[in-house]
C-alpha cells in the first residue's frame, strides 16, 4: 500500500503548499498500520490515507489559511484538534455499538462506496497527467525546462510512462495463467508485478537522451525528514493550545464529517472482507476495530 500513499502524499503536498508531504503520509500510514496489524480484530485491513481524506485536509487547509487567527502557521495545530474530536467521536461510536447499523447496509452499498473510491483515483490520475502539460504554480516560467517544447515533451513522457505502467502492471497480474515461463516465475510476477513495473518504468525514465534538460520528466519531491521544515511538523502538539478557543470548538464540525467518513469507510471495508467467499475463520470485530481506529487517529 506504499504506492498509493506516496501518490496521495504528492497530491497533498500540492494542495497544502508543502505543509503536508509524502513524509507525513508514509509515517502516519506506517504507524497506524502497525497498530492495527498488532491490535486490530481484522489485522489484514489496510489502514491509511485515502482520497476522501486528502479532499478533507485540502478543505481544512484552504479554510485555515484564510483565517487571520489561524493561517498556515496554525493549520496543523487546528487539524490536530479536528483529529482529537474525531477520535472522541469514534470512541463514543465504538462504546455505543454504532457499527450495529451496518446490518442495514447491503453489499451493493459497499460496492458503490468502493466504486466512488475508484472513480476518485481515476479522476486524480487524469488530473495529474494533464498537469504535466502546464508550468507548476510559483515556478519561474523563464527557466529553460518551462519553455513550451520542454513542457510539451514532459507531458508526452508523462502519458507514455503512465499508460506503459498501467498496461504492463495489468498484464503482469495475469501472468499466473500464462503459458510461458516456469510456474514459480509466473507466480512471482503475478504477486509482485506491480512494484516491479514501477521500478522498471522509473529506471526507463532515467534512460532518456542527455540533451533533455534536468527536470524533464518531473519527479516526486520529498523533503528529508530531518530538515528544519520537516522537523517542525513533529512538534505540532506544542502549538495545540495556541489555537483560539473558538476555533477549537469549531473543529467539531469538520470532525463530525471526518468521523463519519472514517466510520463508514472502515466498517464497510470490514464488511466487504467478511464475505463468505473469503472463508475467514475469525469472526468480525466491527466495534473493537472502531475503538482501535479511534486511538490511531
C-alpha atoms as a PDB file:
ATOM      1  CA  UNK A   1       0.000   0.000   0.000  1.00  0.00           C
ATOM      2  CA  UNK A   2       3.030   2.319  -0.136  1.00  0.00           C
ATOM      3  CA  UNK A   3       2.458   3.298  -3.781  1.00  0.00           C
ATOM      4  CA  UNK A   4      -0.953   4.995  -3.299  1.00  0.00           C
ATOM      5  CA  UNK A   5       0.312   6.590  -0.085  1.00  0.00           C
ATOM      6  CA  UNK A   6       3.237   8.150  -1.985  1.00  0.00           C
ATOM      7  CA  UNK A   7       0.853   9.361  -4.700  1.00  0.00           C
ATOM      8  CA  UNK A   8      -1.501  10.823  -2.090  1.00  0.00           C
ATOM      9  CA  UNK A   9       1.440  12.489  -0.382  1.00  0.00           C
ATOM     10  CA  UNK A  10       2.400  14.228  -3.623  1.00  0.00           C
ATOM     11  CA  UNK A  11      -1.190  15.385  -4.140  1.00  0.00           C
ATOM     12  CA  UNK A  12      -1.431  16.577  -0.546  1.00  0.00           C
ATOM     13  CA  UNK A  13       1.840  18.472  -0.922  1.00  0.00           C
ATOM     14  CA  UNK A  14       0.436  20.354  -3.924  1.00  0.00           C
ATOM     15  CA  UNK A  15      -2.910  21.084  -2.265  1.00  0.00           C
ATOM     16  CA  UNK A  16      -1.379  22.311   1.013  1.00  0.00           C
ATOM     17  CA  UNK A  17       1.582  24.214  -0.474  1.00  0.00           C
ATOM     18  CA  UNK A  18       4.053  21.738   1.006  1.00  0.00           C
ATOM     19  CA  UNK A  19       2.685  21.859   4.555  1.00  0.00           C
ATOM     20  CA  UNK A  20       1.952  18.120   4.403  1.00  0.00           C
ATOM     21  CA  UNK A  21       4.057  15.869   2.190  1.00  0.00           C
ATOM     22  CA  UNK A  22       4.880  12.239   1.474  1.00  0.00           C
ATOM     23  CA  UNK A  23       6.911  12.121   4.692  1.00  0.00           C
ATOM     24  CA  UNK A  24       3.775  12.619   6.795  1.00  0.00           C
ATOM     25  CA  UNK A  25       1.572  10.266   4.776  1.00  0.00           C
ATOM     26  CA  UNK A  26       4.144   7.460   4.878  1.00  0.00           C
ATOM     27  CA  UNK A  27       4.841   7.932   8.587  1.00  0.00           C
ATOM     28  CA  UNK A  28       1.162   8.034   9.572  1.00  0.00           C
ATOM     29  CA  UNK A  29       0.305   5.027   7.402  1.00  0.00           C
ATOM     30  CA  UNK A  30       3.195   3.024   8.860  1.00  0.00           C
ATOM     31  CA  UNK A  31       2.290   3.857  12.471  1.00  0.00           C
ATOM     32  CA  UNK A  32      -1.437   3.200  12.047  1.00  0.00           C
ATOM     33  CA  UNK A  33      -0.773   0.058  10.021  1.00  0.00           C
ATOM     34  CA  UNK A  34       1.491  -1.397  12.708  1.00  0.00           C
ATOM     35  CA  UNK A  35      -1.026  -0.587  15.447  1.00  0.00           C
ATOM     36  CA  UNK A  36      -3.901  -2.186  13.560  1.00  0.00           C
ATOM     37  CA  UNK A  37      -1.924  -5.238  12.450  1.00  0.00           C
ATOM     38  CA  UNK A  38      -0.916  -5.954  16.064  1.00  0.00           C
ATOM     39  CA  UNK A  39      -4.051  -4.928  17.955  1.00  0.00           C
ATOM     40  CA  UNK A  40      -6.829  -4.937  15.343  1.00  0.00           C
ATOM     41  CA  UNK A  41      -9.603  -7.502  15.248  1.00  0.00           C
ATOM     42  CA  UNK A  42      -9.158  -7.827  11.474  1.00  0.00           C
ATOM     43  CA  UNK A  43      -5.414  -7.194  11.096  1.00  0.00           C
ATOM     44  CA  UNK A  44      -5.428  -7.652   7.314  1.00  0.00           C
ATOM     45  CA  UNK A  45      -7.402  -4.451   6.762  1.00  0.00           C
ATOM     46  CA  UNK A  46      -5.334  -1.665   5.188  1.00  0.00           C
ATOM     47  CA  UNK A  47      -5.397   1.465   7.341  1.00  0.00           C
ATOM     48  CA  UNK A  48      -4.021   4.603   5.751  1.00  0.00           C
ATOM     49  CA  UNK A  49      -4.598   7.667   3.621  1.00  0.00           C
ATOM     50  CA  UNK A  50      -7.434   7.644   1.086  1.00  0.00           C
ATOM     51  CA  UNK A  51      -8.696  10.150  -1.469  1.00  0.00           C
ATOM     52  CA  UNK A  52     -11.619  11.394   0.700  1.00  0.00           C
ATOM     53  CA  UNK A  53      -9.088  12.125   3.461  1.00  0.00           C
ATOM     54  CA  UNK A  54      -6.994  14.203   1.043  1.00  0.00           C
ATOM     55  CA  UNK A  55     -10.071  16.167  -0.016  1.00  0.00           C
ATOM     56  CA  UNK A  56     -10.969  16.857   3.612  1.00  0.00           C
ATOM     57  CA  UNK A  57      -7.458  18.049   4.514  1.00  0.00           C
ATOM     58  CA  UNK A  58      -7.463  20.295   1.444  1.00  0.00           C
ATOM     59  CA  UNK A  59     -10.699  21.945   2.583  1.00  0.00           C
ATOM     60  CA  UNK A  60      -9.282  22.367   6.089  1.00  0.00           C
ATOM     61  CA  UNK A  61      -6.116  23.977   4.724  1.00  0.00           C
ATOM     62  CA  UNK A  62      -7.979  26.355   2.420  1.00  0.00           C
ATOM     63  CA  UNK A  63     -10.197  27.418   5.323  1.00  0.00           C
ATOM     64  CA  UNK A  64      -7.360  27.838   7.825  1.00  0.00           C
ATOM     65  CA  UNK A  65      -5.015  29.858   5.618  1.00  0.00           C
ATOM     66  CA  UNK A  66      -7.745  32.477   5.039  1.00  0.00           C
ATOM     67  CA  UNK A  67      -8.421  32.937   8.763  1.00  0.00           C
ATOM     68  CA  UNK A  68      -6.354  35.727  10.381  1.00  0.00           C
ATOM     69  CA  UNK A  69      -6.265  33.883  13.735  1.00  0.00           C
ATOM     70  CA  UNK A  70      -5.075  30.621  12.184  1.00  0.00           C
ATOM     71  CA  UNK A  71      -3.223  30.983   8.920  1.00  0.00           C
ATOM     72  CA  UNK A  72      -0.726  28.479   7.612  1.00  0.00           C
ATOM     73  CA  UNK A  73       1.246  28.621  10.872  1.00  0.00           C
ATOM     74  CA  UNK A  74      -1.562  27.116  12.996  1.00  0.00           C
ATOM     75  CA  UNK A  75      -3.123  24.939  10.317  1.00  0.00           C
ATOM     76  CA  UNK A  76      -1.521  21.734  11.602  1.00  0.00           C
ATOM     77  CA  UNK A  77      -2.413  22.561  15.200  1.00  0.00           C
ATOM     78  CA  UNK A  78      -6.040  23.198  14.229  1.00  0.00           C
ATOM     79  CA  UNK A  79      -6.064  19.994  12.160  1.00  0.00           C
ATOM     80  CA  UNK A  80      -4.760  18.296  15.311  1.00  0.00           C
ATOM     81  CA  UNK A  81      -7.873  19.446  17.174  1.00  0.00           C
ATOM     82  CA  UNK A  82     -10.007  18.094  14.350  1.00  0.00           C
ATOM     83  CA  UNK A  83      -8.295  14.724  14.811  1.00  0.00           C
ATOM     84  CA  UNK A  84      -8.774  14.870  18.598  1.00  0.00           C
ATOM     85  CA  UNK A  85     -12.506  15.492  18.234  1.00  0.00           C
ATOM     86  CA  UNK A  86     -12.666  12.782  15.574  1.00  0.00           C
ATOM     87  CA  UNK A  87     -11.005  10.306  17.951  1.00  0.00           C
ATOM     88  CA  UNK A  88     -13.505  11.179  20.694  1.00  0.00           C
ATOM     89  CA  UNK A  89     -16.452  10.646  18.340  1.00  0.00           C
ATOM     90  CA  UNK A  90     -15.121   7.320  17.070  1.00  0.00           C
ATOM     91  CA  UNK A  91     -14.531   6.221  20.674  1.00  0.00           C
ATOM     92  CA  UNK A  92     -18.161   7.023  21.532  1.00  0.00           C
ATOM     93  CA  UNK A  93     -19.355   5.194  18.407  1.00  0.00           C
ATOM     94  CA  UNK A  94     -17.441   2.114  19.498  1.00  0.00           C
ATOM     95  CA  UNK A  95     -18.760   2.340  23.072  1.00  0.00           C
ATOM     96  CA  UNK A  96     -22.383   2.620  21.924  1.00  0.00           C
ATOM     97  CA  UNK A  97     -22.085  -0.116  19.271  1.00  0.00           C
ATOM     98  CA  UNK A  98     -22.768   2.195  16.339  1.00  0.00           C
ATOM     99  CA  UNK A  99     -21.383  -0.438  13.966  1.00  0.00           C
ATOM    100  CA  UNK A 100     -24.593  -2.400  14.507  1.00  0.00           C
ATOM    101  CA  UNK A 101     -26.102  -0.078  11.890  1.00  0.00           C
ATOM    102  CA  UNK A 102     -24.072  -1.973   9.275  1.00  0.00           C
ATOM    103  CA  UNK A 103     -26.803  -4.600   9.225  1.00  0.00           C
ATOM    104  CA  UNK A 104     -28.913  -2.093   7.302  1.00  0.00           C
ATOM    105  CA  UNK A 105     -26.336  -1.762   4.520  1.00  0.00           C
ATOM    106  CA  UNK A 106     -26.300  -4.293   1.706  1.00  0.00           C
ATOM    107  CA  UNK A 107     -23.299  -5.428  -0.266  1.00  0.00           C
ATOM    108  CA  UNK A 108     -24.489  -3.162  -3.070  1.00  0.00           C
ATOM    109  CA  UNK A 109     -23.927  -0.115  -0.844  1.00  0.00           C
ATOM    110  CA  UNK A 110     -20.403  -1.287  -0.088  1.00  0.00           C
ATOM    111  CA  UNK A 111     -19.649  -1.844  -3.768  1.00  0.00           C
ATOM    112  CA  UNK A 112     -20.954   1.651  -4.549  1.00  0.00           C
ATOM    113  CA  UNK A 113     -18.576   3.110  -1.979  1.00  0.00           C
ATOM    114  CA  UNK A 114     -15.721   1.130  -3.492  1.00  0.00           C
ATOM    115  CA  UNK A 115     -16.684   2.437  -6.938  1.00  0.00           C
ATOM    116  CA  UNK A 116     -16.582   6.003  -5.569  1.00  0.00           C
ATOM    117  CA  UNK A 117     -13.015   5.483  -4.350  1.00  0.00           C
ATOM    118  CA  UNK A 118     -12.066   4.021  -7.747  1.00  0.00           C
ATOM    119  CA  UNK A 119     -13.551   6.994  -9.609  1.00  0.00           C
ATOM    120  CA  UNK A 120     -11.660   9.405  -7.348  1.00  0.00           C
ATOM    121  CA  UNK A 121      -8.439   7.513  -8.102  1.00  0.00           C
ATOM    122  CA  UNK A 122      -9.082   7.767 -11.844  1.00  0.00           C
ATOM    123  CA  UNK A 123     -10.010  11.442 -11.572  1.00  0.00           C
ATOM    124  CA  UNK A 124      -6.763  12.323  -9.821  1.00  0.00           C
ATOM    125  CA  UNK A 125      -4.748  10.241 -12.295  1.00  0.00           C
ATOM    126  CA  UNK A 126      -6.243  12.146 -15.232  1.00  0.00           C
ATOM    127  CA  UNK A 127      -5.744  15.496 -13.493  1.00  0.00           C
ATOM    128  CA  UNK A 128      -2.143  14.537 -12.770  1.00  0.00           C
ATOM    129  CA  UNK A 129      -1.410  13.682 -16.405  1.00  0.00           C
ATOM    130  CA  UNK A 130      -2.995  16.920 -17.638  1.00  0.00           C
ATOM    131  CA  UNK A 131      -0.998  18.964 -15.119  1.00  0.00           C
ATOM    132  CA  UNK A 132       2.220  17.689 -16.716  1.00  0.00           C
ATOM    133  CA  UNK A 133       1.413  19.898 -19.725  1.00  0.00           C
ATOM    134  CA  UNK A 134       1.486  23.097 -17.658  1.00  0.00           C
ATOM    135  CA  UNK A 135       4.034  25.011 -15.601  1.00  0.00           C
ATOM    136  CA  UNK A 136       3.676  24.370 -11.833  1.00  0.00           C
ATOM    137  CA  UNK A 137       2.410  27.285  -9.774  1.00  0.00           C
ATOM    138  CA  UNK A 138       5.077  29.506  -8.279  1.00  0.00           C
ATOM    139  CA  UNK A 139       7.785  28.422 -10.730  1.00  0.00           C
ATOM    140  CA  UNK A 140       9.851  30.787 -12.864  1.00  0.00           C
ATOM    141  CA  UNK A 141       8.465  30.386 -16.381  1.00  0.00           C
ATOM    142  CA  UNK A 142      11.643  31.844 -17.886  1.00  0.00           C
ATOM    143  CA  UNK A 143      13.654  28.746 -16.960  1.00  0.00           C
ATOM    144  CA  UNK A 144      14.614  26.521 -19.922  1.00  0.00           C
ATOM    145  CA  UNK A 145      12.685  23.484 -18.663  1.00  0.00           C
ATOM    146  CA  UNK A 146       9.466  25.544 -18.648  1.00  0.00           C
ATOM    147  CA  UNK A 147       9.711  26.566 -22.292  1.00  0.00           C
ATOM    148  CA  UNK A 148       6.828  25.314 -24.425  1.00  0.00           C
ATOM    149  CA  UNK A 149       8.673  22.494 -26.165  1.00  0.00           C
ATOM    150  CA  UNK A 150      10.020  21.003 -22.934  1.00  0.00           C
ATOM    151  CA  UNK A 151       6.700  21.338 -21.112  1.00  0.00           C
ATOM    152  CA  UNK A 152       5.048  19.575 -24.042  1.00  0.00           C
ATOM    153  CA  UNK A 153       7.663  16.804 -24.047  1.00  0.00           C
ATOM    154  CA  UNK A 154       7.250  16.477 -20.275  1.00  0.00           C
ATOM    155  CA  UNK A 155       3.508  15.936 -20.752  1.00  0.00           C
ATOM    156  CA  UNK A 156       4.025  13.374 -23.521  1.00  0.00           C
ATOM    157  CA  UNK A 157       6.552  11.473 -21.416  1.00  0.00           C
ATOM    158  CA  UNK A 158       4.097  11.536 -18.516  1.00  0.00           C
ATOM    159  CA  UNK A 159       1.420   9.913 -20.687  1.00  0.00           C
ATOM    160  CA  UNK A 160       3.855   7.322 -22.087  1.00  0.00           C
ATOM    161  CA  UNK A 161       5.155   6.312 -18.664  1.00  0.00           C
ATOM    162  CA  UNK A 162       1.696   6.336 -17.056  1.00  0.00           C
ATOM    163  CA  UNK A 163      -0.016   4.259 -19.736  1.00  0.00           C
ATOM    164  CA  UNK A 164       3.001   1.973 -20.046  1.00  0.00           C
ATOM    165  CA  UNK A 165       2.995   1.326 -16.313  1.00  0.00           C
ATOM    166  CA  UNK A 166      -0.759   0.704 -16.313  1.00  0.00           C
ATOM    167  CA  UNK A 167      -0.620  -1.728 -19.238  1.00  0.00           C
ATOM    168  CA  UNK A 168       2.371  -3.735 -18.025  1.00  0.00           C
ATOM    169  CA  UNK A 169       1.037  -3.856 -14.456  1.00  0.00           C
ATOM    170  CA  UNK A 170      -2.288  -5.254 -15.672  1.00  0.00           C
ATOM    171  CA  UNK A 171      -0.514  -7.808 -17.873  1.00  0.00           C
ATOM    172  CA  UNK A 172       1.739  -8.881 -15.008  1.00  0.00           C
ATOM    173  CA  UNK A 173      -1.307  -9.548 -12.820  1.00  0.00           C
ATOM    174  CA  UNK A 174      -2.465 -12.186 -15.311  1.00  0.00           C
ATOM    175  CA  UNK A 175       0.964 -13.859 -15.552  1.00  0.00           C
ATOM    176  CA  UNK A 176      -0.194 -16.818 -13.447  1.00  0.00           C
ATOM    177  CA  UNK A 177      -2.352 -18.110 -16.325  1.00  0.00           C
ATOM    178  CA  UNK A 178       0.368 -17.556 -18.939  1.00  0.00           C
ATOM    179  CA  UNK A 179       1.774 -20.449 -20.983  1.00  0.00           C
ATOM    180  CA  UNK A 180       5.340 -19.121 -20.839  1.00  0.00           C
ATOM    181  CA  UNK A 181       7.917 -19.475 -18.092  1.00  0.00           C
ATOM    182  CA  UNK A 182       8.251 -21.702 -15.054  1.00  0.00           C
ATOM    183  CA  UNK A 183       5.384 -21.878 -12.591  1.00  0.00           C
ATOM    184  CA  UNK A 184       7.290 -20.247  -9.744  1.00  0.00           C
ATOM    185  CA  UNK A 185       8.377 -17.374 -12.009  1.00  0.00           C
ATOM    186  CA  UNK A 186       4.804 -16.729 -13.155  1.00  0.00           C
ATOM    187  CA  UNK A 187       3.647 -16.682  -9.541  1.00  0.00           C
ATOM    188  CA  UNK A 188       6.343 -14.175  -8.562  1.00  0.00           C
ATOM    189  CA  UNK A 189       5.442 -11.882 -11.469  1.00  0.00           C
ATOM    190  CA  UNK A 190       1.724 -12.122 -10.676  1.00  0.00           C
ATOM    191  CA  UNK A 191       2.256 -11.363  -6.981  1.00  0.00           C
ATOM    192  CA  UNK A 192       4.906  -8.659  -7.281  1.00  0.00           C
ATOM    193  CA  UNK A 193       4.394  -7.442 -10.831  1.00  0.00           C
ATOM    194  CA  UNK A 194       3.035  -4.002  -9.928  1.00  0.00           C
ATOM    195  CA  UNK A 195       6.001  -2.837  -7.796  1.00  0.00           C
ATOM    196  CA  UNK A 196       8.380  -4.458 -10.282  1.00  0.00           C
ATOM    197  CA  UNK A 197       6.788  -2.478 -13.117  1.00  0.00           C
ATOM    198  CA  UNK A 198       7.084   0.720 -11.081  1.00  0.00           C
ATOM    199  CA  UNK A 199      10.820   0.065 -10.697  1.00  0.00           C
ATOM    200  CA  UNK A 200      11.158  -0.807 -14.396  1.00  0.00           C
ATOM    201  CA  UNK A 201       9.408   2.307 -15.696  1.00  0.00           C
ATOM    202  CA  UNK A 202      11.223   4.516 -13.199  1.00  0.00           C
ATOM    203  CA  UNK A 203      14.520   3.135 -14.498  1.00  0.00           C
ATOM    204  CA  UNK A 204      13.374   3.806 -18.066  1.00  0.00           C
ATOM    205  CA  UNK A 205      12.673   7.426 -17.165  1.00  0.00           C
ATOM    206  CA  UNK A 206      16.373   7.820 -16.345  1.00  0.00           C
ATOM    207  CA  UNK A 207      17.492   6.422 -19.717  1.00  0.00           C
ATOM    208  CA  UNK A 208      16.464   9.499 -21.721  1.00  0.00           C
ATOM    209  CA  UNK A 209      18.946  11.301 -24.029  1.00  0.00           C
ATOM    210  CA  UNK A 210      21.334  13.689 -22.331  1.00  0.00           C
ATOM    211  CA  UNK A 211      20.074  16.594 -24.477  1.00  0.00           C
ATOM    212  CA  UNK A 212      16.866  16.652 -22.437  1.00  0.00           C
ATOM    213  CA  UNK A 213      17.340  19.155 -19.580  1.00  0.00           C
ATOM    214  CA  UNK A 214      17.298  18.075 -15.953  1.00  0.00           C
ATOM    215  CA  UNK A 215      13.776  18.202 -14.563  1.00  0.00           C
ATOM    216  CA  UNK A 216      12.152  16.558 -17.597  1.00  0.00           C
ATOM    217  CA  UNK A 217      10.247  14.446 -16.776  1.00  0.00           C
ATOM    218  CA  UNK A 218       9.276  15.931 -13.425  1.00  0.00           C
ATOM    219  CA  UNK A 219       9.893  13.783 -10.394  1.00  0.00           C
ATOM    220  CA  UNK A 220       8.455  13.416  -6.935  1.00  0.00           C
ATOM    221  CA  UNK A 221       9.849  15.926  -4.454  1.00  0.00           C
ATOM    222  CA  UNK A 222      10.104  14.665  -0.891  1.00  0.00           C
ATOM    223  CA  UNK A 223      11.811  16.759   1.805  1.00  0.00           C
ATOM    224  CA  UNK A 224      14.228  14.978   4.108  1.00  0.00           C
ATOM    225  CA  UNK A 225      12.647  14.075   7.483  1.00  0.00           C
ATOM    226  CA  UNK A 226      15.460  15.812   9.385  1.00  0.00           C
ATOM    227  CA  UNK A 227      15.238  19.128   7.525  1.00  0.00           C
ATOM    228  CA  UNK A 228      14.116  22.109   9.677  1.00  0.00           C
ATOM    229  CA  UNK A 229      10.909  22.462   7.646  1.00  0.00           C
ATOM    230  CA  UNK A 230      10.029  18.823   8.290  1.00  0.00           C
ATOM    231  CA  UNK A 231      11.091  18.777  11.940  1.00  0.00           C
ATOM    232  CA  UNK A 232       8.530  21.413  12.901  1.00  0.00           C
ATOM    233  CA  UNK A 233       5.752  19.034  11.837  1.00  0.00           C
ATOM    234  CA  UNK A 234       6.731  16.631  14.610  1.00  0.00           C
ATOM    235  CA  UNK A 235       6.223  19.267  17.322  1.00  0.00           C
ATOM    236  CA  UNK A 236       2.668  20.342  16.487  1.00  0.00           C
ATOM    237  CA  UNK A 237       1.466  19.209  19.929  1.00  0.00           C
ATOM    238  CA  UNK A 238       3.257  22.186  21.485  1.00  0.00           C
ATOM    239  CA  UNK A 239       1.054  24.570  19.467  1.00  0.00           C
ATOM    240  CA  UNK A 240      -2.307  22.920  20.168  1.00  0.00           C
ATOM    241  CA  UNK A 241      -3.224  25.461  22.845  1.00  0.00           C
ATOM    242  CA  UNK A 242      -2.117  28.361  20.647  1.00  0.00           C
ATOM    243  CA  UNK A 243      -5.310  27.814  18.648  1.00  0.00           C
ATOM    244  CA  UNK A 244      -8.085  30.216  19.784  1.00  0.00           C
ATOM    245  CA  UNK A 245     -10.881  28.582  21.788  1.00  0.00           C
ATOM    246  CA  UNK A 246     -13.493  29.482  19.168  1.00  0.00           C
ATOM    247  CA  UNK A 247     -11.604  27.532  16.501  1.00  0.00           C
ATOM    248  CA  UNK A 248     -11.069  24.602  18.878  1.00  0.00           C
ATOM    249  CA  UNK A 249     -14.845  24.346  19.245  1.00  0.00           C
ATOM    250  CA  UNK A 250     -15.352  24.997  15.536  1.00  0.00           C
ATOM    251  CA  UNK A 251     -13.153  21.971  14.814  1.00  0.00           C
ATOM    252  CA  UNK A 252     -16.071  19.807  15.975  1.00  0.00           C
ATOM    253  CA  UNK A 253     -17.879  20.496  12.677  1.00  0.00           C
ATOM    254  CA  UNK A 254     -15.244  19.037  10.304  1.00  0.00           C
ATOM    255  CA  UNK A 255     -14.523  16.355  12.915  1.00  0.00           C
ATOM    256  CA  UNK A 256     -18.106  15.115  12.557  1.00  0.00           C
ATOM    257  CA  UNK A 257     -17.607  14.729   8.812  1.00  0.00           C
ATOM    258  CA  UNK A 258     -14.213  13.044   9.218  1.00  0.00           C
ATOM    259  CA  UNK A 259     -15.560  10.684  11.895  1.00  0.00           C
ATOM    260  CA  UNK A 260     -18.489   9.740   9.664  1.00  0.00           C
ATOM    261  CA  UNK A 261     -16.132   9.151   6.759  1.00  0.00           C
ATOM    262  CA  UNK A 262     -13.715   7.024   8.789  1.00  0.00           C
ATOM    263  CA  UNK A 263     -16.531   5.063  10.410  1.00  0.00           C
ATOM    264  CA  UNK A 264     -18.236   4.260   7.121  1.00  0.00           C
ATOM    265  CA  UNK A 265     -15.006   3.588   5.221  1.00  0.00           C
ATOM    266  CA  UNK A 266     -13.519   1.305   7.885  1.00  0.00           C
ATOM    267  CA  UNK A 267     -16.762  -0.514   8.662  1.00  0.00           C
ATOM    268  CA  UNK A 268     -17.702  -1.103   5.030  1.00  0.00           C
ATOM    269  CA  UNK A 269     -14.171  -2.368   4.314  1.00  0.00           C
ATOM    270  CA  UNK A 270     -14.544  -4.766   7.255  1.00  0.00           C
ATOM    271  CA  UNK A 271     -17.931  -5.894   5.989  1.00  0.00           C
ATOM    272  CA  UNK A 272     -16.602  -6.478   2.470  1.00  0.00           C
ATOM    273  CA  UNK A 273     -13.717  -8.515   3.906  1.00  0.00           C
ATOM    274  CA  UNK A 274     -16.200 -10.752   5.735  1.00  0.00           C
ATOM    275  CA  UNK A 275     -17.908 -12.086   2.599  1.00  0.00           C
ATOM    276  CA  UNK A 276     -18.485 -15.832   2.556  1.00  0.00           C
ATOM    277  CA  UNK A 277     -16.270 -16.469  -0.459  1.00  0.00           C
ATOM    278  CA  UNK A 278     -13.171 -15.454   1.522  1.00  0.00           C
ATOM    279  CA  UNK A 279     -13.681 -18.303   4.046  1.00  0.00           C
ATOM    280  CA  UNK A 280     -12.334 -16.356   7.018  1.00  0.00           C
ATOM    281  CA  UNK A 281     -12.019 -18.373  10.223  1.00  0.00           C
ATOM    282  CA  UNK A 282     -12.076 -15.486  12.714  1.00  0.00           C
ATOM    283  CA  UNK A 283     -15.368 -13.671  13.406  1.00  0.00           C
ATOM    284  CA  UNK A 284     -15.909  -9.977  12.730  1.00  0.00           C
ATOM    285  CA  UNK A 285     -14.777  -7.299  15.192  1.00  0.00           C
ATOM    286  CA  UNK A 286     -16.523  -4.162  13.972  1.00  0.00           C
ATOM    287  CA  UNK A 287     -16.903  -2.354  17.317  1.00  0.00           C
ATOM    288  CA  UNK A 288     -13.416  -3.249  18.524  1.00  0.00           C
ATOM    289  CA  UNK A 289     -11.815  -2.138  15.248  1.00  0.00           C
ATOM    290  CA  UNK A 290     -13.541   1.248  15.500  1.00  0.00           C
ATOM    291  CA  UNK A 291     -12.160   1.529  19.039  1.00  0.00           C
ATOM    292  CA  UNK A 292      -8.626   0.786  17.797  1.00  0.00           C
ATOM    293  CA  UNK A 293      -9.153   3.279  14.973  1.00  0.00           C
ATOM    294  CA  UNK A 294     -10.133   5.989  17.465  1.00  0.00           C
ATOM    295  CA  UNK A 295      -6.778   5.624  19.227  1.00  0.00           C
ATOM    296  CA  UNK A 296      -4.934   5.644  15.888  1.00  0.00           C
ATOM    297  CA  UNK A 297      -6.471   8.904  14.649  1.00  0.00           C
END
